[in-house]
Amino acid sequence: MELLDLDDLLRVAEVTLGDVSIRDIGLLESAVSRARATVFGDDAYPSLDLKVAALVQSIARNHALIDGNKRLALASAIATYGLNGRRLSLTNDEAYDLIIEVSTGAITAVPDIAERLRNEPRV
């Protein structure tokens, strides 16, 4: 499973946002580390969807950037799925709604975010 590191996340931010104004680099480091977290030797977030959900939540909620946190949260999900040969299957409206709900705290549980992100084929 491939995950973004801090340099990758900064590249995603630059491509997505152009001029990136970082408020707190430590919060970005924390976001990428959270997706890789382990507890007693086991992954805290064992599936790709859970790892992406943790990353998205950390970026959207912690406001490491002056502007563009929600856009970076979504772009990081797309990039991480892409690194793993998957595509985010949400419509633009579904992705927008999810990121807004995460950023406002309307949805807080990582498994719930992962369920919404889950890349299931549409019929």
PDB file of N, CA and C in Angstrom:
ATOM      1  N   MET A   1       0.852  -1.173   0.000  1.00  0.00           N
ATOM      2  CA  MET A   1       0.000   0.000   0.000  1.00  0.00           C
ATOM      3  C   MET A   1       0.902   1.242   0.000  1.00  0.00           C
ATOM      4  N   GLU A   2       0.667   2.117  -0.953  1.00  0.00           N
ATOM      5  CA  GLU A   2       1.442   3.351  -1.082  1.00  0.00           C
ATOM      6  C   GLU A   2       0.688   4.502  -0.422  1.00  0.00           C
ATOM      7  N   LEU A   3       1.403   5.270   0.385  1.00  0.00           N
ATOM      8  CA  LEU A   3       0.805   6.429   1.044  1.00  0.00           C
ATOM      9  C   LEU A   3       1.640   7.663   0.751  1.00  0.00           C
ATOM     10  N   LEU A   4       1.009   8.810   0.807  1.00  0.00           N
ATOM     11  CA  LEU A   4       1.722  10.063   0.599  1.00  0.00           C
ATOM     12  C   LEU A   4       2.648  10.330   1.779  1.00  0.00           C
ATOM     13  N   ASP A   5       3.838  10.859   1.482  1.00  0.00           N
ATOM     14  CA  ASP A   5       4.679  11.377   2.554  1.00  0.00           C
ATOM     15  C   ASP A   5       4.547  12.904   2.511  1.00  0.00           C
ATOM     16  N   LEU A   6       5.259  13.593   3.371  1.00  0.00           N
ATOM     17  CA  LEU A   6       5.110  15.043   3.440  1.00  0.00           C
ATOM     18  C   LEU A   6       5.481  15.715   2.124  1.00  0.00           C
ATOM     19  N   ASP A   7       6.563  15.284   1.501  1.00  0.00           N
ATOM     20  CA  ASP A   7       6.959  15.878   0.215  1.00  0.00           C
ATOM     21  C   ASP A   7       5.877  15.669  -0.843  1.00  0.00           C
ATOM     22  N   ASP A   8       5.295  14.468  -0.869  1.00  0.00           N
ATOM     23  CA  ASP A   8       4.204  14.194  -1.817  1.00  0.00           C
ATOM     24  C   ASP A   8       3.025  15.127  -1.550  1.00  0.00           C
ATOM     25  N   LEU A   9       2.665  15.265  -0.277  1.00  0.00           N
ATOM     26  CA  LEU A   9       1.525  16.108   0.081  1.00  0.00           C
ATOM     27  C   LEU A   9       1.774  17.560  -0.317  1.00  0.00           C
ATOM     28  N   LEU A  10       2.990  18.023  -0.122  1.00  0.00           N
ATOM     29  CA  LEU A  10       3.320  19.394  -0.521  1.00  0.00           C
ATOM     30  C   LEU A  10       3.247  19.563  -2.037  1.00  0.00           C
ATOM     31  N   ARG A  11       3.651  18.531  -2.795  1.00  0.00           N
ATOM     32  CA  ARG A  11       3.524  18.587  -4.261  1.00  0.00           C
ATOM     33  C   ARG A  11       2.052  18.609  -4.672  1.00  0.00           C
ATOM     34  N   VAL A  12       1.236  17.775  -4.016  1.00  0.00           N
ATOM     35  CA  VAL A  12      -0.202  17.776  -4.303  1.00  0.00           C
ATOM     36  C   VAL A  12      -0.780  19.159  -4.012  1.00  0.00           C
ATOM     37  N   ALA A  13      -0.366  19.757  -2.915  1.00  0.00           N
ATOM     38  CA  ALA A  13      -0.851  21.095  -2.556  1.00  0.00           C
ATOM     39  C   ALA A  13      -0.448  22.122  -3.615  1.00  0.00           C
ATOM     40  N   GLU A  14       0.778  22.052  -4.063  1.00  0.00           N
ATOM     41  CA  GLU A  14       1.262  23.006  -5.065  1.00  0.00           C
ATOM     42  C   GLU A  14       0.509  22.856  -6.387  1.00  0.00           C
ATOM     43  N   VAL A  15       0.309  21.618  -6.822  1.00  0.00           N
ATOM     44  CA  VAL A  15      -0.401  21.367  -8.073  1.00  0.00           C
ATOM     45  C   VAL A  15      -1.873  21.787  -7.947  1.00  0.00           C
ATOM     46  N   THR A  16      -2.465  21.511  -6.800  1.00  0.00           N
ATOM     47  CA  THR A  16      -3.887  21.787  -6.593  1.00  0.00           C
ATOM     48  C   THR A  16      -4.161  23.258  -6.337  1.00  0.00           C
ATOM     49  N   LEU A  17      -3.312  23.881  -5.527  1.00  0.00           N
ATOM     50  CA  LEU A  17      -3.604  25.228  -5.043  1.00  0.00           C
ATOM     51  C   LEU A  17      -2.757  26.321  -5.680  1.00  0.00           C
ATOM     52  N   GLY A  18      -1.650  25.932  -6.316  1.00  0.00           N
ATOM     53  CA  GLY A  18      -0.731  26.939  -6.839  1.00  0.00           C
ATOM     54  C   GLY A  18       0.148  27.445  -5.714  1.00  0.00           C
ATOM     55  N   ASP A  19      -0.043  28.697  -5.336  1.00  0.00           N
ATOM     56  CA  ASP A  19       0.731  29.293  -4.250  1.00  0.00           C
ATOM     57  C   ASP A  19       0.202  28.776  -2.913  1.00  0.00           C
ATOM     58  N   VAL A  20       1.032  28.035  -2.196  1.00  0.00           N
ATOM     59  CA  VAL A  20       0.617  27.414  -0.939  1.00  0.00           C
ATOM     60  C   VAL A  20       1.162  28.225   0.229  1.00  0.00           C
ATOM     61  N   SER A  21       0.261  28.668   1.104  1.00  0.00           N
ATOM     62  CA  SER A  21       0.662  29.374   2.322  1.00  0.00           C
ATOM     63  C   SER A  21       0.423  28.452   3.503  1.00  0.00           C
ATOM     64  N   ILE A  22       1.505  27.976   4.091  1.00  0.00           N
ATOM     65  CA  ILE A  22       1.410  27.019   5.189  1.00  0.00           C
ATOM     66  C   ILE A  22       1.369  27.769   6.517  1.00  0.00           C
ATOM     67  N   ARG A  23       0.360  27.456   7.302  1.00  0.00           N
ATOM     68  CA  ARG A  23       0.222  28.031   8.637  1.00  0.00           C
ATOM     69  C   ARG A  23       1.047  27.226   9.643  1.00  0.00           C
ATOM     70  N   ASP A  24       1.005  25.869   9.506  1.00  0.00           N
ATOM     71  CA  ASP A  24       1.684  24.997  10.470  1.00  0.00           C
ATOM     72  C   ASP A  24       2.120  23.702   9.777  1.00  0.00           C
ATOM     73  N   ILE A  25       3.399  23.612   9.419  1.00  0.00           N
ATOM     74  CA  ILE A  25       3.913  22.425   8.731  1.00  0.00           C
ATOM     75  C   ILE A  25       3.767  21.183   9.596  1.00  0.00           C
ATOM     76  N   GLY A  26       3.826  21.349  10.902  1.00  0.00           N
ATOM     77  CA  GLY A  26       3.677  20.221  11.820  1.00  0.00           C
ATOM     78  C   GLY A  26       2.321  19.535  11.679  1.00  0.00           C
ATOM     79  N   LEU A  27       1.291  20.307  11.377  1.00  0.00           N
ATOM     80  CA  LEU A  27      -0.033  19.713  11.184  1.00  0.00           C
ATOM     81  C   LEU A  27      -0.087  18.880   9.906  1.00  0.00           C
ATOM     82  N   LEU A  28       0.638  19.301   8.878  1.00  0.00           N
ATOM     83  CA  LEU A  28       0.714  18.486   7.658  1.00  0.00           C
ATOM     84  C   LEU A  28       1.509  17.212   7.921  1.00  0.00           C
ATOM     85  N   GLU A  29       2.607  17.331   8.662  1.00  0.00           N
ATOM     86  CA  GLU A  29       3.392  16.144   9.040  1.00  0.00           C
ATOM     87  C   GLU A  29       2.533  15.178   9.858  1.00  0.00           C
ATOM     88  N   SER A  30       1.758  15.730  10.760  1.00  0.00           N
ATOM     89  CA  SER A  30       0.874  14.913  11.582  1.00  0.00           C
ATOM     90  C   SER A  30      -0.168  14.189  10.736  1.00  0.00           C
ATOM     91  N   ALA A  31      -0.705  14.850   9.730  1.00  0.00           N
ATOM     92  CA  ALA A  31      -1.727  14.247   8.870  1.00  0.00           C
ATOM     93  C   ALA A  31      -1.173  13.041   8.125  1.00  0.00           C
ATOM     94  N   VAL A  32       0.031  13.183   7.537  1.00  0.00           N
ATOM     95  CA  VAL A  32       0.584  12.045   6.797  1.00  0.00           C
ATOM     96  C   VAL A  32       1.023  10.939   7.756  1.00  0.00           C
ATOM     97  N   SER A  33       1.467  11.304   8.937  1.00  0.00           N
ATOM     98  CA  SER A  33       1.860  10.296   9.929  1.00  0.00           C
ATOM     99  C   SER A  33       0.645   9.545  10.474  1.00  0.00           C
ATOM    100  N   ARG A  34      -0.458  10.237  10.624  1.00  0.00           N
ATOM    101  CA  ARG A  34      -1.663   9.599  11.166  1.00  0.00           C
ATOM    102  C   ARG A  34      -2.109   8.428  10.297  1.00  0.00           C
ATOM    103  N   ALA A  35      -2.035   8.592   8.989  1.00  0.00           N
ATOM    104  CA  ALA A  35      -2.446   7.523   8.080  1.00  0.00           C
ATOM    105  C   ALA A  35      -1.555   6.293   8.224  1.00  0.00           C
ATOM    106  N   ARG A  36      -0.322   6.485   8.698  1.00  0.00           N
ATOM    107  CA  ARG A  36       0.642   5.385   8.868  1.00  0.00           C
ATOM    108  C   ARG A  36       0.703   4.868  10.314  1.00  0.00           C
ATOM    109  N   ALA A  37      -0.115   5.411  11.180  1.00  0.00           N
ATOM    110  CA  ALA A  37      -0.028   5.109  12.613  1.00  0.00           C
ATOM    111  C   ALA A  37      -0.218   3.623  12.906  1.00  0.00           C
ATOM    112  N   THR A  38       0.510   3.177  13.920  1.00  0.00           N
ATOM    113  CA  THR A  38       0.356   1.803  14.411  1.00  0.00           C
ATOM    114  C   THR A  38       0.041   1.827  15.899  1.00  0.00           C
ATOM    115  N   VAL A  39      -0.636   0.785  16.349  1.00  0.00           N
ATOM    116  CA  VAL A  39      -0.958   0.599  17.757  1.00  0.00           C
ATOM    117  C   VAL A  39      -0.540  -0.809  18.128  1.00  0.00           C
ATOM    118  N   PHE A  40       0.418  -0.921  19.027  1.00  0.00           N
ATOM    119  CA  PHE A  40       0.949  -2.225  19.450  1.00  0.00           C
ATOM    120  C   PHE A  40       1.372  -3.069  18.250  1.00  0.00           C
ATOM    121  N   GLY A  41       1.983  -2.406  17.268  1.00  0.00           N
ATOM    122  CA  GLY A  41       2.514  -3.100  16.107  1.00  0.00           C
ATOM    123  C   GLY A  41       1.522  -3.348  14.983  1.00  0.00           C
ATOM    124  N   ASP A  42       0.273  -3.028  15.191  1.00  0.00           N
ATOM    125  CA  ASP A  42      -0.747  -3.200  14.150  1.00  0.00           C
ATOM    126  C   ASP A  42      -1.155  -1.832  13.610  1.00  0.00           C
ATOM    127  N   ASP A  43      -1.508  -1.790  12.319  1.00  0.00           N
ATOM    128  CA  ASP A  43      -1.964  -0.534  11.729  1.00  0.00           C
ATOM    129  C   ASP A  43      -3.203  -0.033  12.465  1.00  0.00           C
ATOM    130  N   ALA A  44      -3.177   1.233  12.844  1.00  0.00           N
ATOM    131  CA  ALA A  44      -4.357   1.840  13.459  1.00  0.00           C
ATOM    132  C   ALA A  44      -5.495   1.918  12.448  1.00  0.00           C
ATOM    133  N   TYR A  45      -5.131   2.093  11.189  1.00  0.00           N
ATOM    134  CA  TYR A  45      -6.087   2.167  10.087  1.00  0.00           C
ATOM    135  C   TYR A  45      -5.678   1.100   9.077  1.00  0.00           C
ATOM    136  N   PRO A  46      -6.214  -0.113   9.199  1.00  0.00           N
ATOM    137  CA  PRO A  46      -5.693  -1.237   8.416  1.00  0.00           C
ATOM    138  C   PRO A  46      -6.007  -1.228   6.921  1.00  0.00           C
ATOM    139  N   SER A  47      -7.072  -0.569   6.494  1.00  0.00           N
ATOM    140  CA  SER A  47      -7.414  -0.592   5.068  1.00  0.00           C
ATOM    141  C   SER A  47      -7.037   0.733   4.413  1.00  0.00           C
ATOM    142  N   LEU A  48      -6.920   0.711   3.100  1.00  0.00           N
ATOM    143  CA  LEU A  48      -6.628   1.940   2.367  1.00  0.00           C
ATOM    144  C   LEU A  48      -7.714   2.983   2.610  1.00  0.00           C
ATOM    145  N   ASP A  49      -8.964   2.568   2.610  1.00  0.00           N
ATOM    146  CA  ASP A  49     -10.057   3.525   2.823  1.00  0.00           C
ATOM    147  C   ASP A  49      -9.957   4.198   4.188  1.00  0.00           C
ATOM    148  N   LEU A  50      -9.599   3.440   5.212  1.00  0.00           N
ATOM    149  CA  LEU A  50      -9.446   4.027   6.549  1.00  0.00           C
ATOM    150  C   LEU A  50      -8.257   4.972   6.608  1.00  0.00           C
ATOM    151  N   LYS A  51      -7.163   4.608   5.959  1.00  0.00           N
ATOM    152  CA  LYS A  51      -5.980   5.473   5.927  1.00  0.00           C
ATOM    153  C   LYS A  51      -6.304   6.785   5.215  1.00  0.00           C
ATOM    154  N   VAL A  52      -6.992   6.697   4.095  1.00  0.00           N
ATOM    155  CA  VAL A  52      -7.364   7.905   3.349  1.00  0.00           C
ATOM    156  C   VAL A  52      -8.333   8.739   4.186  1.00  0.00           C
ATOM    157  N   ALA A  53      -9.261   8.110   4.857  1.00  0.00           N
ATOM    158  CA  ALA A  53     -10.218   8.837   5.700  1.00  0.00           C
ATOM    159  C   ALA A  53      -9.497   9.593   6.814  1.00  0.00           C
ATOM    160  N   ALA A  54      -8.519   8.961   7.444  1.00  0.00           N
ATOM    161  CA  ALA A  54      -7.754   9.623   8.509  1.00  0.00           C
ATOM    162  C   ALA A  54      -6.978  10.812   7.957  1.00  0.00           C
ATOM    163  N   LEU A  55      -6.388  10.655   6.784  1.00  0.00           N
ATOM    164  CA  LEU A  55      -5.646  11.738   6.141  1.00  0.00           C
ATOM    165  C   LEU A  55      -6.577  12.899   5.803  1.00  0.00           C
ATOM    166  N   VAL A  56      -7.702  12.589   5.178  1.00  0.00           N
ATOM    167  CA  VAL A  56      -8.675  13.610   4.791  1.00  0.00           C
ATOM    168  C   VAL A  56      -9.161  14.374   6.021  1.00  0.00           C
ATOM    169  N   GLN A  57      -9.508  13.645   7.061  1.00  0.00           N
ATOM    170  CA  GLN A  57     -10.013  14.299   8.271  1.00  0.00           C
ATOM    171  C   GLN A  57      -8.952  15.222   8.881  1.00  0.00           C
ATOM    172  N   SER A  58      -7.733  14.750   8.962  1.00  0.00           N
ATOM    173  CA  SER A  58      -6.668  15.566   9.549  1.00  0.00           C
ATOM    174  C   SER A  58      -6.433  16.843   8.753  1.00  0.00           C
ATOM    175  N   ILE A  59      -6.409  16.736   7.443  1.00  0.00           N
ATOM    176  CA  ILE A  59      -6.159  17.924   6.621  1.00  0.00           C
ATOM    177  C   ILE A  59      -7.346  18.886   6.681  1.00  0.00           C
ATOM    178  N   ALA A  60      -8.544  18.354   6.549  1.00  0.00           N
ATOM    179  CA  ALA A  60      -9.736  19.206   6.500  1.00  0.00           C
ATOM    180  C   ALA A  60     -10.019  19.890   7.832  1.00  0.00           C
ATOM    181  N   ARG A  61      -9.728  19.232   8.933  1.00  0.00           N
ATOM    182  CA  ARG A  61     -10.083  19.764  10.257  1.00  0.00           C
ATOM    183  C   ARG A  61      -8.985  20.584  10.916  1.00  0.00           C
ATOM    184  N   ASN A  62      -7.717  20.290  10.617  1.00  0.00           N
ATOM    185  CA  ASN A  62      -6.637  20.908  11.384  1.00  0.00           C
ATOM    186  C   ASN A  62      -6.135  22.237  10.832  1.00  0.00           C
ATOM    187  N   HIS A  63      -6.522  22.588   9.633  1.00  0.00           N
ATOM    188  CA  HIS A  63      -6.201  23.895   9.046  1.00  0.00           C
ATOM    189  C   HIS A  63      -4.711  24.225   9.087  1.00  0.00           C
ATOM    190  N   ALA A  64      -3.924  23.348   8.504  1.00  0.00           N
ATOM    191  CA  ALA A  64      -2.479  23.579   8.419  1.00  0.00           C
ATOM    192  C   ALA A  64      -2.138  24.673   7.414  1.00  0.00           C
ATOM    193  N   LEU A  65      -3.046  24.909   6.475  1.00  0.00           N
ATOM    194  CA  LEU A  65      -2.826  25.932   5.445  1.00  0.00           C
ATOM    195  C   LEU A  65      -3.623  27.183   5.773  1.00  0.00           C
ATOM    196  N   ILE A  66      -3.154  28.315   5.264  1.00  0.00           N
ATOM    197  CA  ILE A  66      -3.912  29.564   5.403  1.00  0.00           C
ATOM    198  C   ILE A  66      -5.230  29.433   4.640  1.00  0.00           C
ATOM    199  N   ASP A  67      -5.179  28.833   3.453  1.00  0.00           N
ATOM    200  CA  ASP A  67      -6.358  28.664   2.600  1.00  0.00           C
ATOM    201  C   ASP A  67      -6.167  27.389   1.789  1.00  0.00           C
ATOM    202  N   GLY A  68      -7.246  26.670   1.545  1.00  0.00           N
ATOM    203  CA  GLY A  68      -7.184  25.512   0.660  1.00  0.00           C
ATOM    204  C   GLY A  68      -7.185  24.172   1.366  1.00  0.00           C
ATOM    205  N   ASN A  69      -7.480  24.140   2.654  1.00  0.00           N
ATOM    206  CA  ASN A  69      -7.450  22.884   3.400  1.00  0.00           C
ATOM    207  C   ASN A  69      -8.437  21.850   2.859  1.00  0.00           C
ATOM    208  N   LYS A  70      -9.644  22.281   2.547  1.00  0.00           N
ATOM    209  CA  LYS A  70     -10.645  21.333   2.042  1.00  0.00           C
ATOM    210  C   LYS A  70     -10.257  20.821   0.658  1.00  0.00           C
ATOM    211  N   ARG A  71      -9.755  21.713  -0.192  1.00  0.00           N
ATOM    212  CA  ARG A  71      -9.318  21.280  -1.524  1.00  0.00           C
ATOM    213  C   ARG A  71      -8.141  20.322  -1.429  1.00  0.00           C
ATOM    214  N   LEU A  72      -7.221  20.598  -0.518  1.00  0.00           N
ATOM    215  CA  LEU A  72      -6.088  19.693  -0.341  1.00  0.00           C
ATOM    216  C   LEU A  72      -6.543  18.356   0.235  1.00  0.00           C
ATOM    217  N   ALA A  73      -7.508  18.364   1.125  1.00  0.00           N
ATOM    218  CA  ALA A  73      -8.024  17.106   1.687  1.00  0.00           C
ATOM    219  C   ALA A  73      -8.557  16.214   0.567  1.00  0.00           C
ATOM    220  N   LEU A  74      -9.368  16.787  -0.310  1.00  0.00           N
ATOM    221  CA  LEU A  74      -9.916  16.008  -1.418  1.00  0.00           C
ATOM    222  C   LEU A  74      -8.822  15.574  -2.388  1.00  0.00           C
ATOM    223  N   ALA A  75      -7.924  16.480  -2.726  1.00  0.00           N
ATOM    224  CA  ALA A  75      -6.842  16.145  -3.666  1.00  0.00           C
ATOM    225  C   ALA A  75      -5.932  15.061  -3.100  1.00  0.00           C
ATOM    226  N   SER A  76      -5.707  15.072  -1.794  1.00  0.00           N
ATOM    227  CA  SER A  76      -4.860  14.039  -1.182  1.00  0.00           C
ATOM    228  C   SER A  76      -5.536  12.675  -1.246  1.00  0.00           C
ATOM    229  N   ALA A  77      -6.857  12.654  -1.125  1.00  0.00           N
ATOM    230  CA  ALA A  77      -7.589  11.386  -1.261  1.00  0.00           C
ATOM    231  C   ALA A  77      -7.459  10.865  -2.689  1.00  0.00           C
ATOM    232  N   ILE A  78      -7.670  11.728  -3.652  1.00  0.00           N
ATOM    233  CA  ILE A  78      -7.564  11.330  -5.063  1.00  0.00           C
ATOM    234  C   ILE A  78      -6.157  10.823  -5.364  1.00  0.00           C
ATOM    235  N   ALA A  79      -5.142  11.542  -4.875  1.00  0.00           N
ATOM    236  CA  ALA A  79      -3.748  11.150  -5.124  1.00  0.00           C
ATOM    237  C   ALA A  79      -3.411   9.814  -4.468  1.00  0.00           C
ATOM    238  N   THR A  80      -3.854   9.624  -3.237  1.00  0.00           N
ATOM    239  CA  THR A  80      -3.544   8.371  -2.532  1.00  0.00           C
ATOM    240  C   THR A  80      -4.226   7.188  -3.199  1.00  0.00           C
ATOM    241  N   TYR A  81      -5.475   7.348  -3.564  1.00  0.00           N
ATOM    242  CA  TYR A  81      -6.141   6.273  -4.301  1.00  0.00           C
ATOM    243  C   TYR A  81      -5.413   6.005  -5.616  1.00  0.00           C
ATOM    244  N   GLY A  82      -5.022   7.055  -6.316  1.00  0.00           N
ATOM    245  CA  GLY A  82      -4.315   6.896  -7.584  1.00  0.00           C
ATOM    246  C   GLY A  82      -3.007   6.139  -7.428  1.00  0.00           C
ATOM    247  N   LEU A  83      -2.265   6.422  -6.359  1.00  0.00           N
ATOM    248  CA  LEU A  83      -1.015   5.695  -6.092  1.00  0.00           C
ATOM    249  C   LEU A  83      -1.254   4.191  -5.941  1.00  0.00           C
ATOM    250  N   ASN A  84      -2.463   3.843  -5.563  1.00  0.00           N
ATOM    251  CA  ASN A  84      -2.806   2.455  -5.306  1.00  0.00           C
ATOM    252  C   ASN A  84      -3.691   1.847  -6.395  1.00  0.00           C
ATOM    253  N   GLY A  85      -3.714   2.516  -7.546  1.00  0.00           N
ATOM    254  CA  GLY A  85      -4.442   1.974  -8.688  1.00  0.00           C
ATOM    255  C   GLY A  85      -5.952   2.029  -8.558  1.00  0.00           C
ATOM    256  N   ARG A  86      -6.426   2.934  -7.732  1.00  0.00           N
ATOM    257  CA  ARG A  86      -7.872   3.079  -7.543  1.00  0.00           C
ATOM    258  C   ARG A  86      -8.293   4.495  -7.890  1.00  0.00           C
ATOM    259  N   ARG A  87      -9.595   4.641  -8.102  1.00  0.00           N
ATOM    260  CA  ARG A  87     -10.159   5.961  -8.379  1.00  0.00           C
ATOM    261  C   ARG A  87     -11.243   6.259  -7.368  1.00  0.00           C
ATOM    262  N   LEU A  88     -11.338   7.505  -6.999  1.00  0.00           N
ATOM    263  CA  LEU A  88     -12.422   7.938  -6.132  1.00  0.00           C
ATOM    264  C   LEU A  88     -13.689   7.971  -6.982  1.00  0.00           C
ATOM    265  N   SER A  89     -14.720   7.252  -6.564  1.00  0.00           N
ATOM    266  CA  SER A  89     -15.905   7.128  -7.403  1.00  0.00           C
ATOM    267  C   SER A  89     -17.025   8.094  -7.030  1.00  0.00           C
ATOM    268  N   LEU A  90     -16.752   9.024  -6.125  1.00  0.00           N
ATOM    269  CA  LEU A  90     -17.775   9.993  -5.752  1.00  0.00           C
ATOM    270  C   LEU A  90     -18.025  10.980  -6.885  1.00  0.00           C
ATOM    271  N   THR A  91     -19.250  11.420  -7.012  1.00  0.00           N
ATOM    272  CA  THR A  91     -19.536  12.519  -7.929  1.00  0.00           C
ATOM    273  C   THR A  91     -18.956  13.803  -7.328  1.00  0.00           C
ATOM    274  N   ASN A  92     -18.901  14.854  -8.118  1.00  0.00           N
ATOM    275  CA  ASN A  92     -18.420  16.137  -7.591  1.00  0.00           C
ATOM    276  C   ASN A  92     -19.262  16.593  -6.405  1.00  0.00           C
ATOM    277  N   ASP A  93     -20.585  16.459  -6.513  1.00  0.00           N
ATOM    278  CA  ASP A  93     -21.469  16.868  -5.420  1.00  0.00           C
ATOM    279  C   ASP A  93     -21.251  16.018  -4.170  1.00  0.00           C
ATOM    280  N   GLU A  94     -21.080  14.707  -4.348  1.00  0.00           N
ATOM    281  CA  GLU A  94     -20.840  13.824  -3.204  1.00  0.00           C
ATOM    282  C   GLU A  94     -19.507  14.148  -2.526  1.00  0.00           C
ATOM    283  N   ALA A  95     -18.486  14.411  -3.333  1.00  0.00           N
ATOM    284  CA  ALA A  95     -17.173  14.748  -2.778  1.00  0.00           C
ATOM    285  C   ALA A  95     -17.247  16.075  -2.024  1.00  0.00           C
ATOM    286  N   TYR A  96     -17.897  17.060  -2.611  1.00  0.00           N
ATOM    287  CA  TYR A  96     -18.063  18.363  -1.960  1.00  0.00           C
ATOM    288  C   TYR A  96     -18.783  18.202  -0.622  1.00  0.00           C
ATOM    289  N   ASP A  97     -19.918  17.491  -0.649  1.00  0.00           N
ATOM    290  CA  ASP A  97     -20.696  17.304   0.580  1.00  0.00           C
ATOM    291  C   ASP A  97     -19.876  16.608   1.656  1.00  0.00           C
ATOM    292  N   LEU A  98     -19.134  15.572   1.270  1.00  0.00           N
ATOM    293  CA  LEU A  98     -18.330  14.837   2.244  1.00  0.00           C
ATOM    294  C   LEU A  98     -17.269  15.736   2.868  1.00  0.00           C
ATOM    295  N   ILE A  99     -16.536  16.466   2.057  1.00  0.00           N
ATOM    296  CA  ILE A  99     -15.461  17.308   2.577  1.00  0.00           C
ATOM    297  C   ILE A  99     -16.029  18.413   3.475  1.00  0.00           C
ATOM    298  N   ILE A 100     -17.151  18.984   3.104  1.00  0.00           N
ATOM    299  CA  ILE A 100     -17.785  20.002   3.955  1.00  0.00           C
ATOM    300  C   ILE A 100     -18.212  19.374   5.281  1.00  0.00           C
ATOM    301  N   GLU A 101     -18.816  18.204   5.244  1.00  0.00           N
ATOM    302  CA  GLU A 101     -19.250  17.541   6.476  1.00  0.00           C
ATOM    303  C   GLU A 101     -18.067  17.195   7.375  1.00  0.00           C
ATOM    304  N   VAL A 102     -16.964  16.755   6.782  1.00  0.00           N
ATOM    305  CA  VAL A 102     -15.765  16.450   7.568  1.00  0.00           C
ATOM    306  C   VAL A 102     -15.196  17.735   8.164  1.00  0.00           C
ATOM    307  N   SER A 103     -15.080  18.775   7.359  1.00  0.00           N
ATOM    308  CA  SER A 103     -14.438  20.011   7.827  1.00  0.00           C
ATOM    309  C   SER A 103     -15.251  20.718   8.908  1.00  0.00           C
ATOM    310  N   THR A 104     -16.562  20.557   8.893  1.00  0.00           N
ATOM    311  CA  THR A 104     -17.405  21.206   9.898  1.00  0.00           C
ATOM    312  C   THR A 104     -17.642  20.328  11.120  1.00  0.00           C
ATOM    313  N   GLY A 105     -17.193  19.088  11.052  1.00  0.00           N
ATOM    314  CA  GLY A 105     -17.398  18.181  12.174  1.00  0.00           C
ATOM    315  C   GLY A 105     -18.746  17.479  12.167  1.00  0.00           C
ATOM    316  N   ALA A 106     -19.491  17.614  11.076  1.00  0.00           N
ATOM    317  CA  ALA A 106     -20.784  16.931  10.980  1.00  0.00           C
ATOM    318  C   ALA A 106     -20.598  15.414  10.888  1.00  0.00           C
ATOM    319  N   ILE A 107     -19.467  14.987  10.351  1.00  0.00           N
ATOM    320  CA  ILE A 107     -19.100  13.578  10.327  1.00  0.00           C
ATOM    321  C   ILE A 107     -17.683  13.510  10.917  1.00  0.00           C
ATOM    322  N   THR A 108     -17.523  12.701  11.982  1.00  0.00           N
ATOM    323  CA  THR A 108     -16.239  12.703  12.690  1.00  0.00           C
ATOM    324  C   THR A 108     -15.569  11.332  12.776  1.00  0.00           C
ATOM    325  N   ALA A 109     -16.325  10.275  12.698  1.00  0.00           N
ATOM    326  CA  ALA A 109     -15.749   8.936  12.855  1.00  0.00           C
ATOM    327  C   ALA A 109     -15.030   8.518  11.575  1.00  0.00           C
ATOM    328  N   VAL A 110     -13.774   8.146  11.709  1.00  0.00           N
ATOM    329  CA  VAL A 110     -12.985   7.734  10.552  1.00  0.00           C
ATOM    330  C   VAL A 110     -13.657   6.591   9.776  1.00  0.00           C
ATOM    331  N   PRO A 111     -14.214   5.577  10.442  1.00  0.00           N
ATOM    332  CA  PRO A 111     -14.895   4.527   9.668  1.00  0.00           C
ATOM    333  C   PRO A 111     -16.077   5.057   8.843  1.00  0.00           C
ATOM    334  N   ASP A 112     -16.774   6.065   9.355  1.00  0.00           N
ATOM    335  CA  ASP A 112     -17.890   6.648   8.598  1.00  0.00           C
ATOM    336  C   ASP A 112     -17.379   7.407   7.370  1.00  0.00           C
ATOM    337  N   ILE A 113     -16.271   8.116   7.542  1.00  0.00           N
ATOM    338  CA  ILE A 113     -15.664   8.818   6.408  1.00  0.00           C
ATOM    339  C   ILE A 113     -15.189   7.797   5.376  1.00  0.00           C
ATOM    340  N   ALA A 114     -14.552   6.741   5.855  1.00  0.00           N
ATOM    341  CA  ALA A 114     -14.059   5.689   4.951  1.00  0.00           C
ATOM    342  C   ALA A 114     -15.201   5.051   4.162  1.00  0.00           C
ATOM    343  N   GLU A 115     -16.314   4.840   4.825  1.00  0.00           N
ATOM    344  CA  GLU A 115     -17.469   4.242   4.139  1.00  0.00           C
ATOM    345  C   GLU A 115     -17.944   5.141   3.003  1.00  0.00           C
ATOM    346  N   ARG A 116     -17.930   6.443   3.240  1.00  0.00           N
ATOM    347  CA  ARG A 116     -18.348   7.386   2.202  1.00  0.00           C
ATOM    348  C   ARG A 116     -17.326   7.456   1.071  1.00  0.00           C
ATOM    349  N   LEU A 117     -16.050   7.277   1.409  1.00  0.00           N
ATOM    350  CA  LEU A 117     -14.994   7.323   0.390  1.00  0.00           C
ATOM    351  C   LEU A 117     -14.881   6.027  -0.397  1.00  0.00           C
ATOM    352  N   ARG A 118     -15.328   4.939   0.206  1.00  0.00           N
ATOM    353  CA  ARG A 118     -15.100   3.608  -0.364  1.00  0.00           C
ATOM    354  C   ARG A 118     -15.363   3.603  -1.860  1.00  0.00           C
ATOM    355  N   ASN A 119     -14.444   3.032  -2.528  1.00  0.00           N
ATOM    356  CA  ASN A 119     -14.450   3.065  -3.983  1.00  0.00           C
ATOM    357  C   ASN A 119     -15.239   1.879  -4.527  1.00  0.00           C
ATOM    358  N   GLU A 120     -16.548   1.990  -4.541  1.00  0.00           N
ATOM    359  CA  GLU A 120     -17.388   0.902  -5.029  1.00  0.00           C
ATOM    360  C   GLU A 120     -17.912   1.251  -6.409  1.00  0.00           C
ATOM    361  N   PRO A 121     -17.995   0.266  -7.276  1.00  0.00           N
ATOM    362  CA  PRO A 121     -18.502   0.549  -8.626  1.00  0.00           C
ATOM    363  C   PRO A 121     -19.942   1.043  -8.582  1.00  0.00           C
ATOM    364  N   ARG A 122     -20.230   1.979  -9.432  1.00  0.00           N
ATOM    365  CA  ARG A 122     -21.606   2.497  -9.536  1.00  0.00           C
ATOM    366  C   ARG A 122     -22.323   1.767 -10.663  1.00  0.00           C
ATOM    367  N   VAL A 123     -23.627   1.539 -10.468  1.00  0.00           N
ATOM    368  CA  VAL A 123     -24.427   0.888 -11.508  1.00  0.00           C
ATOM    369  C   VAL A 123     -25.309   1.886 -12.211  1.00  0.00           C
TER     370      VAL A 123
END
